[in-house]
């Protein structure tokens, strides 16, 4: 039986986790989901209703810690050295470890043993991987890691290396990430590039929920993402100010939520763009799909923050390309793996609002180019970034891990020359 460990489930911004669970569920995997936290969103994608897998929450309420006393006693009695060594590890690790996490690991161990979990697949190399590492020591099962972006680049490399070395295998969503992880990997643990992929049929079949109608007499620019620094939304808003000064008629919609909401709203008002740029806040995926269907241009000017945080390949880029919308983004991280400049979209330098203005201006002025890039982008996504391809790779790795076979080098890590 496969355990699927995540930080928060469900979560609106993590459609790739939902997509993976639904696909594995469709493959008739015997699964259980473990979530470190209760859901924090007040809206969910309708596809969450299709999840038939049990979700176990590992929230550290006091009663759960007392409930696990029997597990503690059993582990101390049966595995005295393992128990105390694991407790020691949880207290001296230089990352996300804590006594609280040790209690979670013991509680998770009880659930693993009760449900007959043979292998844990963990999304995010941060706290979830740390918890899996402790639980693996306590109950002897293997674990694998799906690493993404923030969990890679904002983590102590020594701690990340240790988690990798104790894992059965690691997958990550870009070749850029794979090369970085391989460069710090001091063990024999294989690191694979497995793109998230997009289920174009599922996205296109989603029902449109009613939203406030857009003004169809103006060109529609769309951007979607969490409202945080690495998404580069101030660059987009400043580019919109330049479009306004140049006399262009357009509507720019930014969909998302996060810590920058008030800052961005103030920025929009400061630049007197309230009639042209609007923040939608949190929407369900159905509602976002409705906006995709009305968009003329999609842009997400990603950037690397001062602390090193960055995106991998934002799923929203793939989603927009699925709808044949011409996309503009930046030469950051794995984005050039999906957007080939002047072929499947336009790429600019990060934090450059003049370059974004020029790219937007070009697409506004050249409707045939919009059509050409949109068509090529859709072809790229549907032929090279299909979720079916991703699931086949992941299923192969997980199936071998569930068979408790030590050598899982069934898939060769894909090199940069092969991702095109």
Protein backbone atom coordinates (compact mmCIF):
# COMPACT_ATOMS: atom_id res chain seq x y z
CA UNK A 1 0.00 0.00 0.00
CA UNK A 2 1.27 3.46 -0.94
CA UNK A 3 1.27 6.42 1.44
CA UNK A 4 1.10 9.90 -0.05
CA UNK A 5 2.49 12.53 2.37
CA UNK A 6 1.89 16.25 1.77
CA UNK A 7 2.00 19.41 3.84
CA UNK A 8 -1.61 20.52 3.30
CA UNK A 9 -4.41 18.71 1.50
CA UNK A 10 -6.41 19.88 -0.26
CA UNK A 11 -4.80 23.17 -1.33
CA UNK A 12 -6.09 25.28 -4.21
CA UNK A 13 -2.64 26.40 -5.41
CA UNK A 14 -1.28 22.83 -5.61
CA UNK A 15 -3.21 21.45 -8.56
CA UNK A 16 -0.23 19.25 -9.47
CA UNK A 17 -0.66 17.27 -6.23
CA UNK A 18 -4.37 16.79 -6.89
CA UNK A 19 -3.69 15.79 -10.49
CA UNK A 20 -1.15 13.18 -9.37
CA UNK A 21 -3.44 11.68 -6.76
CA UNK A 22 -6.35 11.45 -9.20
CA UNK A 23 -4.15 9.80 -11.83
CA UNK A 24 -2.72 7.22 -9.43
CA UNK A 25 -6.19 6.63 -8.05
CA UNK A 26 -7.40 5.98 -11.59
CA UNK A 27 -4.56 3.45 -11.92
CA UNK A 28 -6.19 1.55 -9.03
CA UNK A 29 -3.36 2.17 -6.57
CA UNK A 30 -4.14 1.16 -3.00
CA UNK A 31 -3.36 4.48 -1.32
CA UNK A 32 -3.74 6.60 1.79
CA UNK A 33 -3.08 10.35 2.02
CA UNK A 34 -1.33 11.89 5.02
CA UNK A 35 -1.47 15.67 5.51
CA UNK A 36 0.59 17.61 8.05
CA UNK A 37 -2.01 20.36 8.26
CA UNK A 38 -5.75 20.84 7.94
CA UNK A 39 -6.95 22.69 4.82
CA UNK A 40 -6.62 26.46 5.06
CA UNK A 41 -8.48 27.44 1.87
CA UNK A 42 -12.15 28.32 1.84
CA UNK A 43 -12.56 27.31 -1.81
CA UNK A 44 -11.65 24.04 -3.52
CA UNK A 45 -11.51 22.72 -7.06
CA UNK A 46 -14.55 20.62 -7.93
CA UNK A 47 -12.12 17.80 -8.85
CA UNK A 48 -11.38 17.31 -5.14
CA UNK A 49 -14.80 15.66 -4.96
CA UNK A 50 -13.38 12.89 -7.14
CA UNK A 51 -10.72 11.92 -4.60
CA UNK A 52 -11.75 8.59 -3.12
CA UNK A 53 -8.60 8.07 -1.06
CA UNK A 54 -8.74 8.41 2.73
CA UNK A 55 -7.04 11.55 4.10
CA UNK A 56 -5.31 11.25 7.50
CA UNK A 57 -4.45 14.53 9.23
CA UNK A 58 -1.33 14.70 11.40
CA UNK A 59 -2.23 17.94 13.16
CA UNK A 60 -0.42 18.08 16.50
CA UNK A 61 -3.33 18.60 18.88
CA UNK A 62 -2.61 17.64 22.47
CA UNK A 63 -5.04 14.72 22.48
CA UNK A 64 -3.32 13.12 19.52
CA UNK A 65 0.00 13.27 21.30
CA UNK A 66 -1.55 11.47 24.27
CA UNK A 67 -3.35 9.08 21.95
CA UNK A 68 0.04 7.96 20.64
CA UNK A 69 1.46 7.01 24.06
CA UNK A 70 0.94 3.32 23.27
CA UNK A 71 2.94 3.74 20.08
CA UNK A 72 5.74 5.44 22.01
CA UNK A 73 5.78 2.64 24.59
CA UNK A 74 5.77 -0.06 21.92
CA UNK A 75 8.62 1.57 20.03
CA UNK A 76 10.66 2.05 23.22
CA UNK A 77 10.08 -1.58 24.19
CA UNK A 78 10.71 -3.11 20.78
CA UNK A 79 13.20 -0.70 19.23
CA UNK A 80 14.90 1.06 22.13
CA UNK A 81 17.97 2.29 20.27
CA UNK A 82 16.07 3.25 17.11
CA UNK A 83 13.55 5.27 19.12
CA UNK A 84 16.14 7.30 21.04
CA UNK A 85 18.39 7.78 18.01
CA UNK A 86 15.43 9.12 16.04
CA UNK A 87 14.47 11.47 18.86
CA UNK A 88 18.05 12.71 18.99
CA UNK A 89 18.08 13.27 15.22
CA UNK A 90 14.82 15.23 15.39
CA UNK A 91 16.32 17.59 17.99
CA UNK A 92 19.71 18.25 16.38
CA UNK A 93 18.82 18.57 12.69
CA UNK A 94 19.50 22.08 11.36
CA UNK A 95 16.31 22.55 9.39
CA UNK A 96 12.64 22.03 10.17
CA UNK A 97 13.09 19.50 12.96
CA UNK A 98 11.50 19.84 16.39
CA UNK A 99 10.05 17.81 19.22
CA UNK A 100 6.64 18.51 17.68
CA UNK A 101 7.76 16.87 14.47
CA UNK A 102 8.96 13.82 16.39
CA UNK A 103 5.48 13.43 17.92
CA UNK A 104 4.02 13.70 14.42
CA UNK A 105 6.46 11.05 13.19
CA UNK A 106 5.48 8.66 15.99
CA UNK A 107 1.78 9.21 15.27
CA UNK A 108 2.43 8.71 11.55
CA UNK A 109 4.34 5.51 12.35
CA UNK A 110 1.27 4.17 14.13
CA UNK A 111 -0.92 4.93 11.11
CA UNK A 112 1.63 3.41 8.72
CA UNK A 113 1.73 0.17 10.70
CA UNK A 114 -2.03 0.06 11.17
CA UNK A 115 -2.79 0.63 7.47
CA UNK A 116 0.02 -1.52 6.10
CA UNK A 117 1.83 1.25 4.23
CA UNK A 118 4.88 -0.09 2.41
CA UNK A 119 6.27 3.10 0.90
CA UNK A 120 5.78 6.87 1.42
CA UNK A 121 5.89 9.26 -1.51
CA UNK A 122 6.42 12.79 -0.20
CA UNK A 123 5.60 16.08 -1.87
CA UNK A 124 8.12 18.78 -0.91
CA UNK A 125 11.64 18.25 0.34
CA UNK A 126 11.09 20.50 3.36
CA UNK A 127 8.97 19.55 6.42
CA UNK A 128 7.17 16.61 4.74
CA UNK A 129 10.46 14.97 3.72
CA UNK A 130 11.86 15.60 7.20
CA UNK A 131 8.85 13.85 8.72
CA UNK A 132 9.14 10.95 6.28
CA UNK A 133 12.81 10.59 7.18
CA UNK A 134 11.95 10.20 10.88
CA UNK A 135 9.04 7.83 10.23
CA UNK A 136 11.22 5.75 7.93
CA UNK A 137 13.73 5.30 10.76
CA UNK A 138 10.99 4.37 13.23
CA UNK A 139 9.13 1.81 11.13
CA UNK A 140 11.64 0.77 8.50
CA UNK A 141 9.66 1.63 5.35
CA UNK A 142 11.16 3.44 2.38
CA UNK A 143 10.26 6.91 1.17
CA UNK A 144 10.71 8.97 -1.98
CA UNK A 145 10.65 12.73 -2.50
CA UNK A 146 9.00 14.97 -5.05
CA UNK A 147 10.97 18.25 -4.88
CA UNK A 148 9.70 21.46 -6.43
CA UNK A 149 11.09 24.97 -5.90
CA UNK A 150 11.02 26.79 -2.55
CA UNK A 151 11.62 23.51 -0.75
CA UNK A 152 14.85 23.12 -2.73
CA UNK A 153 16.38 26.59 -2.83
CA UNK A 154 15.43 27.91 0.60
CA UNK A 155 16.70 24.84 2.44
CA UNK A 156 20.06 24.21 4.05
CA UNK A 157 21.93 22.20 1.35
CA UNK A 158 23.42 19.86 3.98
CA UNK A 159 19.95 18.99 5.32
CA UNK A 160 18.56 18.55 1.81
CA UNK A 161 21.50 16.29 0.92
CA UNK A 162 20.84 14.13 3.98
CA UNK A 163 17.16 13.71 3.12
CA UNK A 164 18.10 12.76 -0.44
CA UNK A 165 20.66 10.22 0.73
CA UNK A 166 18.07 8.45 2.91
CA UNK A 167 15.40 8.41 0.19
CA UNK A 168 14.73 5.58 -2.25
CA UNK A 169 14.60 8.05 -5.13
CA UNK A 170 13.91 11.73 -5.84
CA UNK A 171 11.86 13.26 -8.62
CA UNK A 172 11.73 16.93 -9.50
CA UNK A 173 9.70 18.90 -12.00
CA UNK A 174 12.45 20.54 -14.11
CA UNK A 175 15.81 19.66 -15.61
CA UNK A 176 17.15 22.83 -13.97
CA UNK A 177 16.20 21.43 -10.56
CA UNK A 178 17.53 17.97 -11.36
CA UNK A 179 20.96 19.30 -12.23
CA UNK A 180 21.10 21.31 -9.00
CA UNK A 181 19.98 18.38 -6.83
CA UNK A 182 22.43 16.07 -8.55
CA UNK A 183 25.24 18.58 -7.93
CA UNK A 184 24.70 18.41 -4.15
CA UNK A 185 23.84 14.70 -4.03
CA UNK A 186 26.63 12.76 -2.31
CA UNK A 187 24.79 9.43 -2.28
CA UNK A 188 23.70 6.81 -4.78
CA UNK A 189 20.06 7.94 -4.57
CA UNK A 190 18.93 8.56 -8.17
CA UNK A 191 17.40 11.93 -9.04
CA UNK A 192 14.92 12.00 -11.92
CA UNK A 193 13.34 14.79 -13.88
CA UNK A 194 9.62 14.11 -14.11
CA UNK A 195 7.56 17.04 -15.35
CA UNK A 196 4.26 17.63 -13.60
CA UNK A 197 2.49 17.47 -16.90
CA UNK A 198 -0.98 18.67 -17.80
CA UNK A 199 -4.17 16.69 -18.31
CA UNK A 200 -5.50 18.82 -21.16
CA UNK A 201 -8.69 16.77 -21.50
CA UNK A 202 -9.52 17.20 -17.79
CA UNK A 203 -8.89 20.95 -17.89
CA UNK A 204 -10.91 21.51 -21.03
CA UNK A 205 -13.85 19.50 -19.66
CA UNK A 206 -14.15 21.53 -16.46
CA UNK A 207 -17.37 23.46 -16.10
CA UNK A 208 -17.29 27.22 -16.18
CA UNK A 209 -18.71 28.84 -13.06
CA UNK A 210 -20.34 32.23 -13.44
CA UNK A 211 -17.98 35.13 -12.87
CA UNK A 212 -18.25 38.85 -13.45
CA UNK A 213 -18.24 39.33 -17.25
CA UNK A 214 -15.13 40.88 -18.76
CA UNK A 215 -15.22 43.88 -21.04
CA UNK A 216 -15.02 42.29 -24.45
CA UNK A 217 -14.22 45.55 -26.21
CA UNK A 218 -10.67 45.51 -24.79
CA UNK A 219 -7.77 43.15 -25.19
CA UNK A 220 -7.53 40.82 -22.20
CA UNK A 221 -4.20 40.16 -20.43
CA UNK A 222 -4.27 37.44 -17.77
CA UNK A 223 -1.87 36.42 -15.02
CA UNK A 224 -2.35 33.74 -12.35
CA UNK A 225 -0.25 32.90 -9.32
CA UNK A 226 0.24 33.31 -5.60
CA UNK A 227 0.70 36.95 -4.69
CA UNK A 228 4.30 36.70 -3.57
CA UNK A 229 7.58 38.26 -4.57
CA UNK A 230 8.89 35.53 -6.87
CA UNK A 231 5.92 35.92 -9.25
CA UNK A 232 7.03 39.45 -10.27
CA UNK A 233 3.61 41.08 -10.32
CA UNK A 234 4.97 44.65 -9.75
CA UNK A 235 6.86 44.22 -13.04
CA UNK A 236 3.56 43.41 -14.76
CA UNK A 237 1.72 46.33 -13.18
CA UNK A 238 4.49 48.76 -14.16
CA UNK A 239 4.42 47.39 -17.72
CA UNK A 240 0.66 48.02 -17.74
CA UNK A 241 1.32 51.62 -16.76
CA UNK A 242 3.59 51.93 -19.81
CA UNK A 243 0.86 50.40 -22.00
CA UNK A 244 -1.59 52.97 -20.68
CA UNK A 245 0.83 55.83 -21.43
CA UNK A 246 1.27 54.44 -24.95
CA UNK A 247 -2.49 54.66 -25.49
CA UNK A 248 -3.35 50.93 -25.57
CA UNK A 249 -6.83 49.74 -24.62
CA UNK A 250 -6.65 46.59 -22.48
CA UNK A 251 -7.85 44.81 -19.34
CA UNK A 252 -5.31 43.04 -17.11
CA UNK A 253 -6.61 40.50 -14.60
CA UNK A 254 -4.40 39.05 -11.86
CA UNK A 255 -5.77 35.95 -10.12
CA UNK A 256 -4.33 34.74 -6.85
CA UNK A 257 -3.99 35.32 -3.14
CA UNK A 258 -1.14 35.70 -0.71
CA UNK A 259 0.87 38.12 1.43
CA UNK A 260 1.28 40.74 -1.31
CA UNK A 261 -2.44 41.37 -1.85
CA UNK A 262 -2.62 44.74 -0.06
CA UNK A 263 0.76 45.85 -1.39
CA UNK A 264 -0.23 45.13 -4.98
CA UNK A 265 -3.60 46.82 -4.59
CA UNK A 266 -1.88 49.95 -3.25
CA UNK A 267 0.60 49.76 -6.15
CA UNK A 268 -2.27 49.62 -8.66
CA UNK A 269 -3.97 52.62 -7.07
CA UNK A 270 -0.69 54.54 -6.85
CA UNK A 271 -0.22 54.11 -10.60
CA UNK A 272 -3.87 55.05 -11.27
CA UNK A 273 -4.63 51.72 -12.93
CA UNK A 274 -7.80 50.69 -11.08
CA UNK A 275 -9.82 50.76 -14.31
CA UNK A 276 -7.28 48.65 -16.19
CA UNK A 277 -5.72 46.22 -13.68
CA UNK A 278 -7.73 44.26 -11.14
CA UNK A 279 -6.95 41.65 -8.53
CA UNK A 280 -9.42 38.76 -8.42
CA UNK A 281 -8.17 37.15 -5.25
CA UNK A 282 -8.74 33.44 -4.72
CA UNK A 283 -10.77 31.62 -7.37
CA UNK A 284 -11.55 27.95 -7.92
CA UNK A 285 -9.90 26.23 -10.84
CA UNK A 286 -13.21 26.23 -12.73
CA UNK A 287 -13.31 30.00 -12.45
CA UNK A 288 -9.71 30.32 -13.58
CA UNK A 289 -10.51 28.13 -16.60
CA UNK A 290 -13.33 30.53 -17.48
CA UNK A 291 -10.79 33.36 -17.51
CA UNK A 292 -8.34 31.34 -19.62
CA UNK A 293 -11.07 30.94 -22.23
CA UNK A 294 -11.39 34.74 -22.51
CA UNK A 295 -7.69 35.68 -22.41
CA UNK A 296 -5.75 37.08 -25.38
CA UNK A 297 -2.33 37.06 -23.69
CA UNK A 298 -0.99 35.31 -20.58
CA UNK A 299 2.05 36.54 -18.69
CA UNK A 300 3.85 35.63 -15.49
CA UNK A 301 7.12 37.61 -15.06
CA UNK A 302 8.80 35.28 -12.54
CA UNK A 303 11.98 36.31 -10.75
CA UNK A 304 14.53 35.02 -8.25
CA UNK A 305 14.20 36.70 -4.87
CA UNK A 306 17.11 37.91 -2.75
CA UNK A 307 16.85 34.83 -0.52
CA UNK A 308 17.04 32.50 -3.55
CA UNK A 309 13.36 31.55 -3.83
CA UNK A 310 12.15 30.85 -7.37
CA UNK A 311 9.60 28.87 -9.37
CA UNK A 312 10.20 25.63 -11.22
CA UNK A 313 7.84 25.60 -14.19
CA UNK A 314 4.62 27.25 -12.97
CA UNK A 315 1.66 25.02 -13.80
CA UNK A 316 -0.33 28.07 -14.87
CA UNK A 317 2.01 28.53 -17.85
CA UNK A 318 1.23 25.01 -19.04
CA UNK A 319 -2.48 25.55 -18.42
CA UNK A 320 -2.52 28.78 -20.42
CA UNK A 321 -0.63 27.13 -23.27
CA UNK A 322 -3.17 24.29 -23.25
CA UNK A 323 -5.78 26.90 -24.21
CA UNK A 324 -3.50 28.16 -27.04
CA UNK A 325 -2.96 31.49 -25.28
CA UNK A 326 0.36 33.13 -26.24
CA UNK A 327 2.53 33.35 -23.12
CA UNK A 328 5.23 35.72 -21.91
CA UNK A 329 7.53 34.80 -19.06
CA UNK A 330 11.16 35.07 -17.96
CA UNK A 331 14.42 33.15 -18.32
CA UNK A 332 14.20 31.89 -14.74
CA UNK A 333 14.74 28.34 -13.51
CA UNK A 334 13.00 25.70 -15.67
CA UNK A 335 10.75 28.09 -17.62
CA UNK A 336 12.93 27.99 -20.81
CA UNK A 337 12.32 24.22 -20.85
CA UNK A 338 8.73 24.86 -21.89
CA UNK A 339 8.85 28.33 -23.47
CA UNK A 340 11.18 28.60 -26.45
CA UNK A 341 11.57 32.27 -27.26
CA UNK A 342 9.77 33.30 -30.45
CA UNK A 343 8.62 29.69 -30.97
CA UNK A 344 6.25 28.66 -28.18
CA UNK A 345 6.09 32.02 -26.42
CA UNK A 346 8.20 35.03 -25.53
CA UNK A 347 10.97 35.11 -22.91
CA UNK A 348 12.34 38.27 -21.30
CA UNK A 349 14.84 39.07 -18.57
CA UNK A 350 13.42 39.04 -15.04
CA UNK A 351 12.60 42.29 -13.20
CA UNK A 352 12.56 44.23 -16.47
CA UNK A 353 9.27 46.07 -16.93
CA UNK A 354 10.49 47.74 -20.13
CA UNK A 355 11.14 44.33 -21.69
CA UNK A 356 7.71 43.11 -20.59
CA UNK A 357 6.07 46.24 -22.00
CA UNK A 358 7.84 45.64 -25.34
CA UNK A 359 6.74 41.98 -25.42
CA UNK A 360 3.14 42.87 -24.57
CA UNK A 361 3.17 45.66 -27.14
CA UNK A 362 4.46 43.26 -29.76
CA UNK A 363 1.71 40.71 -29.13
CA UNK A 364 -0.99 43.37 -29.02
CA UNK A 365 0.17 44.81 -32.34
CA UNK A 366 0.61 41.42 -34.04
CA UNK A 367 -2.54 39.27 -33.73
CA UNK A 368 -1.12 36.72 -36.19
CA UNK A 369 1.92 36.25 -33.96
CA UNK A 370 -0.42 35.68 -31.01
CA UNK A 371 -2.19 32.98 -32.98
CA UNK A 372 1.09 31.40 -34.13
CA UNK A 373 2.67 31.30 -30.65
CA UNK A 374 -0.54 30.07 -29.07
CA UNK A 375 -0.84 27.19 -31.50
CA UNK A 376 2.83 26.21 -31.10
CA UNK A 377 2.58 26.46 -27.32
CA UNK A 378 -0.42 24.18 -27.20
CA UNK A 379 1.37 21.63 -29.38
CA UNK A 380 4.41 21.72 -27.10
CA UNK A 381 2.37 21.14 -23.96
CA UNK A 382 0.12 18.42 -25.32
CA UNK A 383 2.94 16.44 -26.94
CA UNK A 384 5.80 16.88 -24.44
CA UNK A 385 4.15 17.78 -21.14
CA UNK A 386 1.25 15.37 -20.99
CA UNK A 387 0.34 14.13 -17.51
CA UNK A 388 0.09 10.63 -18.99
CA UNK A 389 3.84 10.64 -19.63
CA UNK A 390 4.52 11.89 -16.12
CA UNK A 391 2.30 9.28 -14.51
CA UNK A 392 3.91 6.43 -16.45
CA UNK A 393 7.33 7.46 -15.16
CA UNK A 394 6.16 7.96 -11.59
CA UNK A 395 4.12 4.77 -11.58
CA UNK A 396 7.16 2.79 -12.72
CA UNK A 397 9.28 4.16 -9.88
CA UNK A 398 6.59 3.74 -7.23
CA UNK A 399 5.74 0.20 -8.34
CA UNK A 400 9.36 -0.84 -8.01
CA UNK A 401 9.64 0.88 -4.61
CA UNK A 402 6.54 -0.99 -3.39
CA UNK A 403 8.20 -4.23 -4.38
CA UNK A 404 10.94 -3.39 -1.85
CA UNK A 405 13.67 -3.68 -4.44
CA UNK A 406 16.79 -1.73 -3.53
CA UNK A 407 17.95 -0.86 -7.04
CA UNK A 408 15.40 1.41 -8.64
CA UNK A 409 17.51 2.61 -11.56
CA UNK A 410 14.77 1.67 -13.98
CA UNK A 411 14.62 5.16 -15.46
CA UNK A 412 17.74 7.01 -16.49
CA UNK A 413 17.86 10.66 -15.35
CA UNK A 414 16.96 12.74 -18.39
CA UNK A 415 19.68 15.17 -19.41
CA UNK A 416 19.28 18.73 -20.54
CA UNK A 417 19.92 17.75 -24.15
CA UNK A 418 16.93 15.39 -24.08
CA UNK A 419 14.24 17.63 -22.66
CA UNK A 420 13.51 19.62 -25.82
